[in-house]
Amino acid sequence: MALKSTINKATIHLSDMDRNYYDTISLTLAQHPSETDLRLMTRVIAYILNAQPDLAFGKGLSDEDEAVIWHIDYSDQINLWIELGQPDEKRIKKACNKARRVNLYCYTHSNDVWFNQNKNKLSNYSNLSIYKFDYKILQELTTWISRTMEFQCSIQDGQLWLSNNEHSLLIEIEQLQ
């Protein structure tokens, strides 16, 4: 018998002063049995950083033809393709060929090693932006996971502050490319 996904719900009260975007977002997060808590929370942060109408979760973990998160316009053009982790170059190339813009968010403790090994190849993709998060901060964020979560989030001057009823975290994003 196959294991089923765990369903979590998140409500995010977002104030993104950098983009003048303000919204209350309700997310249903299906966590595949093979998806770690670290990746799940990275997915939430990537969604927040790119929040816009019609942004959606894809089947990225289980379907190589779909993004983890993406924005598809009314003419079926993929405007934004979001990947997480350290995908192989073949997957990045496919994303860059299909989408106008690709954002990759790295979240493991070996981000720098992976990027230094691949930066020459990755620099060939002009529509690819690569960011990394502080691994320890994301690990702390995983302790906030519950079936129902509510966050207040503000983004200003490139800084993302996330809080719930008990904690507050500064999540810094460093652009690698």
N, C-alpha and C. Protein backbone atom coordinates (compact mmCIF):
# COMPACT_ATOMS: atom_id res chain seq x y z
N MET A 1 0.84 -1.18 0.00
CA MET A 1 0.00 0.00 0.00
C MET A 1 0.88 1.24 0.00
N ALA A 2 0.60 2.16 -0.89
CA ALA A 2 1.39 3.39 -1.02
C ALA A 2 1.08 4.35 0.12
N LEU A 3 2.11 5.05 0.55
CA LEU A 3 1.91 6.08 1.57
C LEU A 3 1.25 7.29 0.95
N LYS A 4 0.40 7.93 1.72
CA LYS A 4 -0.31 9.11 1.22
C LYS A 4 0.40 10.38 1.68
N SER A 5 0.15 11.44 0.94
CA SER A 5 0.71 12.75 1.29
C SER A 5 0.07 13.26 2.57
N THR A 6 0.83 14.04 3.32
CA THR A 6 0.31 14.74 4.49
C THR A 6 -0.18 16.09 4.02
N ILE A 7 -1.37 16.46 4.43
CA ILE A 7 -1.94 17.74 4.03
C ILE A 7 -1.79 18.74 5.17
N ASN A 8 -1.15 19.86 4.86
CA ASN A 8 -1.01 20.98 5.79
C ASN A 8 -1.68 22.18 5.17
N LYS A 9 -2.20 23.06 6.00
CA LYS A 9 -2.81 24.30 5.52
C LYS A 9 -2.03 25.46 6.11
N ALA A 10 -1.84 26.49 5.31
CA ALA A 10 -1.13 27.69 5.77
C ALA A 10 -1.88 28.92 5.30
N THR A 11 -2.05 29.86 6.22
CA THR A 11 -2.59 31.17 5.89
C THR A 11 -1.46 32.16 6.09
N ILE A 12 -1.21 32.95 5.07
CA ILE A 12 -0.09 33.90 5.10
C ILE A 12 -0.63 35.30 4.88
N HIS A 13 -0.39 36.17 5.82
CA HIS A 13 -0.76 37.58 5.69
C HIS A 13 0.50 38.30 5.21
N LEU A 14 0.52 38.62 3.92
CA LEU A 14 1.73 39.11 3.26
C LEU A 14 1.67 40.60 3.01
N SER A 15 2.75 41.27 3.40
CA SER A 15 2.97 42.68 3.05
C SER A 15 4.35 42.75 2.40
N ASP A 16 4.34 42.81 1.08
CA ASP A 16 5.59 42.89 0.33
C ASP A 16 5.76 44.34 -0.13
N MET A 17 6.45 45.13 0.68
CA MET A 17 6.65 46.55 0.38
C MET A 17 7.58 46.76 -0.82
N ASP A 18 8.46 45.81 -1.08
CA ASP A 18 9.37 45.93 -2.23
C ASP A 18 8.62 45.88 -3.55
N ARG A 19 7.55 45.11 -3.61
CA ARG A 19 6.79 44.96 -4.86
C ARG A 19 5.40 45.61 -4.78
N ASN A 20 5.09 46.24 -3.65
CA ASN A 20 3.75 46.80 -3.45
C ASN A 20 2.66 45.74 -3.62
N TYR A 21 2.87 44.58 -3.02
CA TYR A 21 1.93 43.48 -3.12
C TYR A 21 1.48 43.09 -1.72
N TYR A 22 0.18 43.13 -1.50
CA TYR A 22 -0.40 42.85 -0.18
C TYR A 22 -1.53 41.85 -0.38
N ASP A 23 -1.52 40.78 0.41
CA ASP A 23 -2.51 39.73 0.19
C ASP A 23 -2.59 38.83 1.42
N THR A 24 -3.72 38.16 1.55
CA THR A 24 -3.85 37.06 2.48
C THR A 24 -3.97 35.81 1.62
N ILE A 25 -3.03 34.91 1.79
CA ILE A 25 -2.91 33.74 0.93
C ILE A 25 -3.25 32.50 1.74
N SER A 26 -4.12 31.68 1.19
CA SER A 26 -4.45 30.39 1.80
C SER A 26 -3.85 29.29 0.94
N LEU A 27 -2.95 28.54 1.54
CA LEU A 27 -2.27 27.47 0.82
C LEU A 27 -2.66 26.10 1.37
N THR A 28 -2.85 25.16 0.48
CA THR A 28 -2.98 23.75 0.85
C THR A 28 -1.69 23.09 0.39
N LEU A 29 -0.96 22.55 1.34
CA LEU A 29 0.37 21.99 1.07
C LEU A 29 0.33 20.47 1.19
N ALA A 30 0.39 19.79 0.08
CA ALA A 30 0.46 18.33 0.08
C ALA A 30 1.93 17.95 0.20
N GLN A 31 2.29 17.37 1.33
CA GLN A 31 3.68 16.97 1.55
C GLN A 31 3.83 15.49 1.19
N HIS A 32 4.49 15.25 0.07
CA HIS A 32 4.75 13.88 -0.40
C HIS A 32 5.55 13.15 0.67
N PRO A 33 5.35 11.83 0.85
CA PRO A 33 6.11 11.10 1.87
C PRO A 33 7.62 11.25 1.75
N SER A 34 8.13 11.49 0.54
CA SER A 34 9.58 11.63 0.38
C SER A 34 10.05 13.08 0.57
N GLU A 35 9.13 14.02 0.75
CA GLU A 35 9.51 15.43 0.90
C GLU A 35 9.84 15.72 2.36
N THR A 36 11.00 16.29 2.59
CA THR A 36 11.41 16.63 3.95
C THR A 36 10.69 17.89 4.42
N ASP A 37 10.67 18.07 5.74
CA ASP A 37 10.09 19.29 6.30
C ASP A 37 10.86 20.52 5.83
N LEU A 38 12.16 20.38 5.66
CA LEU A 38 13.00 21.48 5.19
C LEU A 38 12.57 21.92 3.79
N ARG A 39 12.33 20.98 2.91
CA ARG A 39 11.90 21.30 1.55
C ARG A 39 10.50 21.90 1.56
N LEU A 40 9.62 21.37 2.39
CA LEU A 40 8.26 21.91 2.48
C LEU A 40 8.27 23.39 2.86
N MET A 41 9.04 23.73 3.87
CA MET A 41 9.07 25.13 4.32
C MET A 41 9.81 26.02 3.31
N THR A 42 10.77 25.47 2.61
CA THR A 42 11.43 26.22 1.53
C THR A 42 10.42 26.51 0.43
N ARG A 43 9.56 25.55 0.16
CA ARG A 43 8.51 25.75 -0.85
C ARG A 43 7.58 26.90 -0.44
N VAL A 44 7.24 26.97 0.84
CA VAL A 44 6.39 28.05 1.33
C VAL A 44 7.10 29.40 1.16
N ILE A 45 8.36 29.48 1.52
CA ILE A 45 9.11 30.73 1.41
C ILE A 45 9.25 31.15 -0.06
N ALA A 46 9.53 30.19 -0.94
CA ALA A 46 9.63 30.50 -2.37
C ALA A 46 8.30 31.02 -2.90
N TYR A 47 7.21 30.44 -2.44
CA TYR A 47 5.88 30.91 -2.85
C TYR A 47 5.67 32.35 -2.39
N ILE A 48 6.00 32.62 -1.14
CA ILE A 48 5.84 33.98 -0.58
C ILE A 48 6.65 35.00 -1.39
N LEU A 49 7.89 34.67 -1.69
CA LEU A 49 8.77 35.59 -2.40
C LEU A 49 8.28 35.93 -3.80
N ASN A 50 7.49 35.05 -4.38
CA ASN A 50 7.01 35.23 -5.74
C ASN A 50 5.49 35.38 -5.82
N ALA A 51 4.85 35.61 -4.69
CA ALA A 51 3.39 35.65 -4.63
C ALA A 51 2.82 36.62 -5.66
N GLN A 52 1.79 36.14 -6.35
CA GLN A 52 1.06 36.91 -7.34
C GLN A 52 -0.20 36.13 -7.67
N PRO A 53 -1.18 36.77 -8.24
CA PRO A 53 -2.38 36.02 -8.64
C PRO A 53 -2.01 34.90 -9.61
N ASP A 54 -2.67 33.78 -9.47
CA ASP A 54 -2.51 32.61 -10.35
C ASP A 54 -1.17 31.88 -10.19
N LEU A 55 -0.40 32.17 -9.16
CA LEU A 55 0.79 31.37 -8.86
C LEU A 55 0.28 30.04 -8.30
N ALA A 56 0.85 28.93 -8.76
CA ALA A 56 0.33 27.63 -8.36
C ALA A 56 1.45 26.63 -8.12
N PHE A 57 1.15 25.65 -7.28
CA PHE A 57 2.07 24.54 -7.08
C PHE A 57 1.92 23.57 -8.24
N GLY A 58 3.05 23.08 -8.74
CA GLY A 58 3.04 22.06 -9.77
C GLY A 58 3.35 20.72 -9.13
N LYS A 59 3.59 19.74 -9.96
CA LYS A 59 3.91 18.39 -9.48
C LYS A 59 5.42 18.17 -9.53
N GLY A 60 6.18 19.21 -9.36
CA GLY A 60 7.63 19.17 -9.55
C GLY A 60 8.36 18.03 -8.92
N LEU A 61 7.91 17.55 -7.78
CA LEU A 61 8.60 16.45 -7.10
C LEU A 61 8.37 15.13 -7.83
N SER A 62 7.20 14.97 -8.41
CA SER A 62 6.86 13.68 -9.02
C SER A 62 6.71 13.72 -10.53
N ASP A 63 6.86 14.89 -11.15
CA ASP A 63 6.69 15.01 -12.59
C ASP A 63 7.73 15.98 -13.13
N GLU A 64 8.68 15.47 -13.90
CA GLU A 64 9.77 16.33 -14.37
C GLU A 64 9.34 17.35 -15.40
N ASP A 65 8.12 17.24 -15.91
CA ASP A 65 7.62 18.22 -16.87
C ASP A 65 6.90 19.39 -16.21
N GLU A 66 6.83 19.38 -14.91
CA GLU A 66 6.19 20.48 -14.19
C GLU A 66 7.14 21.08 -13.17
N ALA A 67 6.93 22.34 -12.90
CA ALA A 67 7.73 23.05 -11.90
C ALA A 67 7.23 22.72 -10.50
N VAL A 68 8.03 23.07 -9.52
CA VAL A 68 7.60 22.98 -8.13
C VAL A 68 6.50 24.03 -7.90
N ILE A 69 6.75 25.23 -8.39
CA ILE A 69 5.79 26.34 -8.36
C ILE A 69 5.90 27.03 -9.70
N TRP A 70 4.76 27.49 -10.23
CA TRP A 70 4.85 28.20 -11.50
C TRP A 70 3.69 29.15 -11.69
N HIS A 71 3.93 30.06 -12.63
CA HIS A 71 2.89 31.00 -13.04
C HIS A 71 2.71 30.86 -14.54
N ILE A 72 1.50 30.45 -14.93
CA ILE A 72 1.16 30.26 -16.34
C ILE A 72 0.10 31.30 -16.68
N ASP A 73 0.33 32.05 -17.76
CA ASP A 73 -0.63 33.09 -18.13
C ASP A 73 -1.79 32.51 -18.94
N TYR A 74 -2.70 33.38 -19.34
CA TYR A 74 -3.91 32.94 -20.04
C TYR A 74 -3.65 32.34 -21.42
N SER A 75 -2.50 32.60 -21.99
CA SER A 75 -2.16 32.01 -23.30
C SER A 75 -1.32 30.75 -23.13
N ASP A 76 -1.29 30.21 -21.91
CA ASP A 76 -0.53 29.00 -21.57
C ASP A 76 0.99 29.17 -21.65
N GLN A 77 1.45 30.41 -21.65
CA GLN A 77 2.89 30.68 -21.59
C GLN A 77 3.32 30.58 -20.12
N ILE A 78 4.42 29.89 -19.87
CA ILE A 78 4.96 29.80 -18.51
C ILE A 78 5.82 31.04 -18.28
N ASN A 79 5.32 31.94 -17.44
CA ASN A 79 6.04 33.17 -17.13
C ASN A 79 7.13 32.94 -16.09
N LEU A 80 6.85 32.06 -15.12
CA LEU A 80 7.77 31.83 -14.02
C LEU A 80 7.78 30.34 -13.68
N TRP A 81 8.97 29.78 -13.60
CA TRP A 81 9.17 28.38 -13.21
C TRP A 81 10.08 28.42 -11.99
N ILE A 82 9.64 27.84 -10.89
CA ILE A 82 10.43 27.84 -9.65
C ILE A 82 10.86 26.42 -9.32
N GLU A 83 12.16 26.27 -9.09
CA GLU A 83 12.75 25.00 -8.67
C GLU A 83 13.36 25.15 -7.29
N LEU A 84 13.53 24.03 -6.60
CA LEU A 84 14.14 24.02 -5.28
C LEU A 84 15.30 23.04 -5.23
N GLY A 85 16.25 23.34 -4.39
CA GLY A 85 17.35 22.41 -4.14
C GLY A 85 18.49 22.54 -5.12
N GLN A 86 18.99 21.40 -5.56
CA GLN A 86 20.14 21.35 -6.45
C GLN A 86 19.82 20.42 -7.63
N PRO A 87 18.93 20.86 -8.50
CA PRO A 87 18.55 19.99 -9.63
C PRO A 87 19.70 19.82 -10.61
N ASP A 88 19.62 18.75 -11.39
CA ASP A 88 20.67 18.56 -12.40
C ASP A 88 20.48 19.55 -13.55
N GLU A 89 21.54 19.70 -14.33
CA GLU A 89 21.51 20.72 -15.39
C GLU A 89 20.44 20.43 -16.44
N LYS A 90 20.13 19.17 -16.66
CA LYS A 90 19.09 18.81 -17.64
C LYS A 90 17.74 19.41 -17.25
N ARG A 91 17.40 19.33 -15.97
CA ARG A 91 16.12 19.89 -15.49
C ARG A 91 16.13 21.41 -15.58
N ILE A 92 17.24 22.03 -15.26
CA ILE A 92 17.35 23.49 -15.34
C ILE A 92 17.22 23.94 -16.80
N LYS A 93 17.88 23.22 -17.70
CA LYS A 93 17.81 23.56 -19.12
C LYS A 93 16.37 23.46 -19.62
N LYS A 94 15.67 22.40 -19.23
CA LYS A 94 14.28 22.23 -19.64
C LYS A 94 13.43 23.40 -19.13
N ALA A 95 13.62 23.78 -17.88
CA ALA A 95 12.87 24.90 -17.31
C ALA A 95 13.17 26.20 -18.06
N CYS A 96 14.44 26.45 -18.31
CA CYS A 96 14.84 27.69 -18.99
C CYS A 96 14.32 27.74 -20.43
N ASN A 97 14.19 26.60 -21.07
CA ASN A 97 13.65 26.56 -22.43
C ASN A 97 12.14 26.74 -22.47
N LYS A 98 11.46 26.36 -21.39
CA LYS A 98 10.00 26.43 -21.37
C LYS A 98 9.46 27.74 -20.79
N ALA A 99 10.22 28.39 -19.92
CA ALA A 99 9.69 29.53 -19.17
C ALA A 99 10.43 30.82 -19.51
N ARG A 100 9.73 31.93 -19.37
CA ARG A 100 10.36 33.24 -19.56
C ARG A 100 11.41 33.51 -18.48
N ARG A 101 11.08 33.08 -17.24
CA ARG A 101 11.98 33.33 -16.11
C ARG A 101 12.00 32.10 -15.22
N VAL A 102 13.18 31.75 -14.70
CA VAL A 102 13.33 30.60 -13.81
C VAL A 102 14.04 31.08 -12.55
N ASN A 103 13.45 30.76 -11.41
CA ASN A 103 14.07 31.04 -10.11
C ASN A 103 14.39 29.71 -9.43
N LEU A 104 15.62 29.56 -8.99
CA LEU A 104 16.06 28.37 -8.28
C LEU A 104 16.42 28.79 -6.86
N TYR A 105 15.83 28.11 -5.88
CA TYR A 105 16.10 28.40 -4.47
C TYR A 105 16.81 27.21 -3.85
N CYS A 106 18.06 27.43 -3.45
CA CYS A 106 18.88 26.39 -2.82
C CYS A 106 18.72 26.49 -1.31
N TYR A 107 18.64 25.34 -0.65
CA TYR A 107 18.34 25.38 0.79
C TYR A 107 19.14 24.40 1.64
N THR A 108 20.06 23.66 1.06
CA THR A 108 20.80 22.68 1.85
C THR A 108 22.11 23.27 2.37
N HIS A 109 22.79 22.52 3.21
CA HIS A 109 24.05 22.98 3.79
C HIS A 109 25.19 22.96 2.77
N SER A 110 24.99 22.31 1.61
CA SER A 110 26.06 22.22 0.61
C SER A 110 25.80 23.12 -0.61
N ASN A 111 25.03 24.17 -0.44
CA ASN A 111 24.70 25.07 -1.55
C ASN A 111 25.94 25.61 -2.26
N ASP A 112 26.91 26.10 -1.49
CA ASP A 112 28.08 26.75 -2.09
C ASP A 112 28.91 25.77 -2.91
N VAL A 113 29.08 24.57 -2.40
CA VAL A 113 29.85 23.55 -3.13
C VAL A 113 29.16 23.24 -4.45
N TRP A 114 27.84 23.00 -4.40
CA TRP A 114 27.08 22.69 -5.62
C TRP A 114 27.17 23.84 -6.63
N PHE A 115 26.97 25.06 -6.15
CA PHE A 115 26.98 26.20 -7.06
C PHE A 115 28.36 26.38 -7.70
N ASN A 116 29.42 26.28 -6.91
CA ASN A 116 30.77 26.45 -7.46
C ASN A 116 31.10 25.38 -8.50
N GLN A 117 30.57 24.18 -8.33
CA GLN A 117 30.80 23.11 -9.30
C GLN A 117 30.02 23.32 -10.59
N ASN A 118 28.91 24.06 -10.51
CA ASN A 118 28.02 24.18 -11.67
C ASN A 118 27.89 25.58 -12.24
N LYS A 119 28.54 26.57 -11.66
CA LYS A 119 28.28 27.95 -12.06
C LYS A 119 28.64 28.25 -13.52
N ASN A 120 29.66 27.61 -14.07
CA ASN A 120 30.01 27.87 -15.47
C ASN A 120 28.88 27.43 -16.40
N LYS A 121 28.32 26.25 -16.17
CA LYS A 121 27.20 25.76 -16.99
C LYS A 121 25.96 26.63 -16.78
N LEU A 122 25.69 26.96 -15.53
CA LEU A 122 24.47 27.70 -15.20
C LEU A 122 24.50 29.13 -15.72
N SER A 123 25.68 29.69 -15.89
CA SER A 123 25.79 31.07 -16.38
C SER A 123 25.33 31.20 -17.84
N ASN A 124 25.16 30.08 -18.53
CA ASN A 124 24.69 30.10 -19.91
C ASN A 124 23.21 30.43 -20.03
N TYR A 125 22.49 30.38 -18.93
CA TYR A 125 21.04 30.60 -18.96
C TYR A 125 20.73 32.01 -18.47
N SER A 126 20.41 32.88 -19.42
CA SER A 126 20.19 34.29 -19.08
C SER A 126 18.89 34.53 -18.32
N ASN A 127 17.94 33.61 -18.39
CA ASN A 127 16.66 33.78 -17.69
C ASN A 127 16.63 33.03 -16.35
N LEU A 128 17.79 32.58 -15.87
CA LEU A 128 17.89 31.83 -14.62
C LEU A 128 18.46 32.72 -13.51
N SER A 129 17.74 32.77 -12.39
CA SER A 129 18.23 33.43 -11.17
C SER A 129 18.35 32.36 -10.09
N ILE A 130 19.46 32.40 -9.36
CA ILE A 130 19.70 31.40 -8.32
C ILE A 130 19.88 32.13 -6.99
N TYR A 131 19.16 31.62 -5.98
CA TYR A 131 19.20 32.21 -4.64
C TYR A 131 19.50 31.10 -3.64
N LYS A 132 20.03 31.51 -2.49
CA LYS A 132 20.21 30.53 -1.42
C LYS A 132 19.73 31.11 -0.11
N PHE A 133 19.28 30.20 0.74
CA PHE A 133 18.82 30.54 2.08
C PHE A 133 19.83 30.02 3.09
N ASP A 134 19.80 30.60 4.27
CA ASP A 134 20.63 30.12 5.37
C ASP A 134 20.02 28.81 5.88
N TYR A 135 20.78 27.76 5.80
CA TYR A 135 20.32 26.41 6.16
C TYR A 135 19.82 26.36 7.61
N LYS A 136 20.54 26.97 8.53
CA LYS A 136 20.17 26.90 9.96
C LYS A 136 18.84 27.62 10.22
N ILE A 137 18.60 28.72 9.54
CA ILE A 137 17.34 29.45 9.71
C ILE A 137 16.18 28.60 9.21
N LEU A 138 16.36 27.96 8.06
CA LEU A 138 15.30 27.10 7.54
C LEU A 138 15.05 25.90 8.44
N GLN A 139 16.11 25.36 9.03
CA GLN A 139 15.95 24.26 9.98
C GLN A 139 15.10 24.72 11.17
N GLU A 140 15.34 25.93 11.65
CA GLU A 140 14.54 26.46 12.74
C GLU A 140 13.08 26.61 12.31
N LEU A 141 12.89 27.03 11.08
CA LEU A 141 11.54 27.21 10.56
C LEU A 141 10.76 25.89 10.51
N THR A 142 11.44 24.78 10.33
CA THR A 142 10.74 23.49 10.29
C THR A 142 10.08 23.15 11.62
N THR A 143 10.55 23.75 12.70
CA THR A 143 9.92 23.49 14.00
C THR A 143 8.55 24.14 14.10
N TRP A 144 8.22 25.01 13.17
CA TRP A 144 6.92 25.70 13.16
C TRP A 144 5.83 24.88 12.46
N ILE A 145 6.19 23.78 11.83
CA ILE A 145 5.22 23.02 11.04
C ILE A 145 4.14 22.43 11.93
N SER A 146 2.91 22.62 11.48
CA SER A 146 1.75 21.97 12.07
C SER A 146 0.72 21.79 10.97
N ARG A 147 -0.31 21.07 11.23
CA ARG A 147 -1.32 20.82 10.20
C ARG A 147 -1.99 22.12 9.75
N THR A 148 -2.13 23.07 10.67
CA THR A 148 -2.71 24.37 10.34
C THR A 148 -1.73 25.43 10.83
N MET A 149 -1.26 26.27 9.90
CA MET A 149 -0.27 27.29 10.25
C MET A 149 -0.79 28.65 9.82
N GLU A 150 -0.39 29.66 10.57
CA GLU A 150 -0.73 31.04 10.20
C GLU A 150 0.51 31.90 10.40
N PHE A 151 0.86 32.64 9.34
CA PHE A 151 2.07 33.45 9.37
C PHE A 151 1.76 34.89 9.00
N GLN A 152 2.52 35.80 9.60
CA GLN A 152 2.56 37.19 9.18
C GLN A 152 3.91 37.36 8.51
N CYS A 153 3.90 37.95 7.34
CA CYS A 153 5.13 38.07 6.58
C CYS A 153 5.26 39.49 6.06
N SER A 154 6.43 40.07 6.25
CA SER A 154 6.70 41.38 5.64
C SER A 154 8.04 41.30 4.92
N ILE A 155 8.03 41.91 3.74
CA ILE A 155 9.24 41.96 2.92
C ILE A 155 9.52 43.42 2.63
N GLN A 156 10.72 43.86 3.03
CA GLN A 156 11.11 45.24 2.78
C GLN A 156 12.62 45.30 2.66
N ASP A 157 13.08 46.03 1.66
CA ASP A 157 14.52 46.19 1.40
C ASP A 157 15.22 44.84 1.29
N GLY A 158 14.54 43.88 0.66
CA GLY A 158 15.14 42.57 0.44
C GLY A 158 15.17 41.66 1.65
N GLN A 159 14.58 42.09 2.76
CA GLN A 159 14.54 41.27 3.96
C GLN A 159 13.15 40.70 4.16
N LEU A 160 13.07 39.41 4.46
CA LEU A 160 11.80 38.74 4.70
C LEU A 160 11.70 38.41 6.19
N TRP A 161 10.71 38.98 6.83
CA TRP A 161 10.43 38.68 8.24
C TRP A 161 9.19 37.82 8.30
N LEU A 162 9.30 36.69 8.96
CA LEU A 162 8.18 35.77 9.09
C LEU A 162 7.93 35.53 10.57
N SER A 163 6.66 35.59 10.95
CA SER A 163 6.33 35.34 12.35
C SER A 163 5.02 34.57 12.45
N ASN A 164 4.91 33.86 13.56
CA ASN A 164 3.64 33.24 13.92
C ASN A 164 3.30 33.76 15.31
N ASN A 165 2.43 33.13 16.02
CA ASN A 165 2.03 33.65 17.33
C ASN A 165 3.13 33.56 18.38
N GLU A 166 4.14 32.72 18.13
CA GLU A 166 5.17 32.48 19.14
C GLU A 166 6.57 32.96 18.75
N HIS A 167 6.89 32.94 17.47
CA HIS A 167 8.26 33.18 17.04
C HIS A 167 8.31 34.18 15.89
N SER A 168 9.52 34.68 15.67
CA SER A 168 9.76 35.56 14.54
C SER A 168 11.15 35.23 13.99
N LEU A 169 11.26 35.23 12.66
CA LEU A 169 12.53 34.91 12.02
C LEU A 169 12.83 35.87 10.88
N LEU A 170 14.09 36.24 10.77
CA LEU A 170 14.56 36.96 9.60
C LEU A 170 15.13 35.92 8.65
N ILE A 171 14.54 35.83 7.45
CA ILE A 171 15.00 34.88 6.46
C ILE A 171 15.70 35.67 5.37
N GLU A 172 17.01 35.53 5.35
CA GLU A 172 17.81 36.27 4.38
C GLU A 172 18.00 35.45 3.11
N ILE A 173 17.95 36.14 2.00
CA ILE A 173 18.08 35.51 0.70
C ILE A 173 19.32 36.09 0.03
N GLU A 174 20.23 35.22 -0.38
CA GLU A 174 21.42 35.68 -1.08
C GLU A 174 21.33 35.25 -2.54
N GLN A 175 21.50 36.19 -3.45
CA GLN A 175 21.46 35.85 -4.87
C GLN A 175 22.85 35.39 -5.31
N LEU A 176 22.88 34.20 -5.90
CA LEU A 176 24.13 33.63 -6.40
C LEU A 176 24.33 33.95 -7.89
N GLN A 177 23.22 34.05 -8.62
CA GLN A 177 23.28 34.36 -10.07
C GLN A 177 22.04 35.12 -10.45
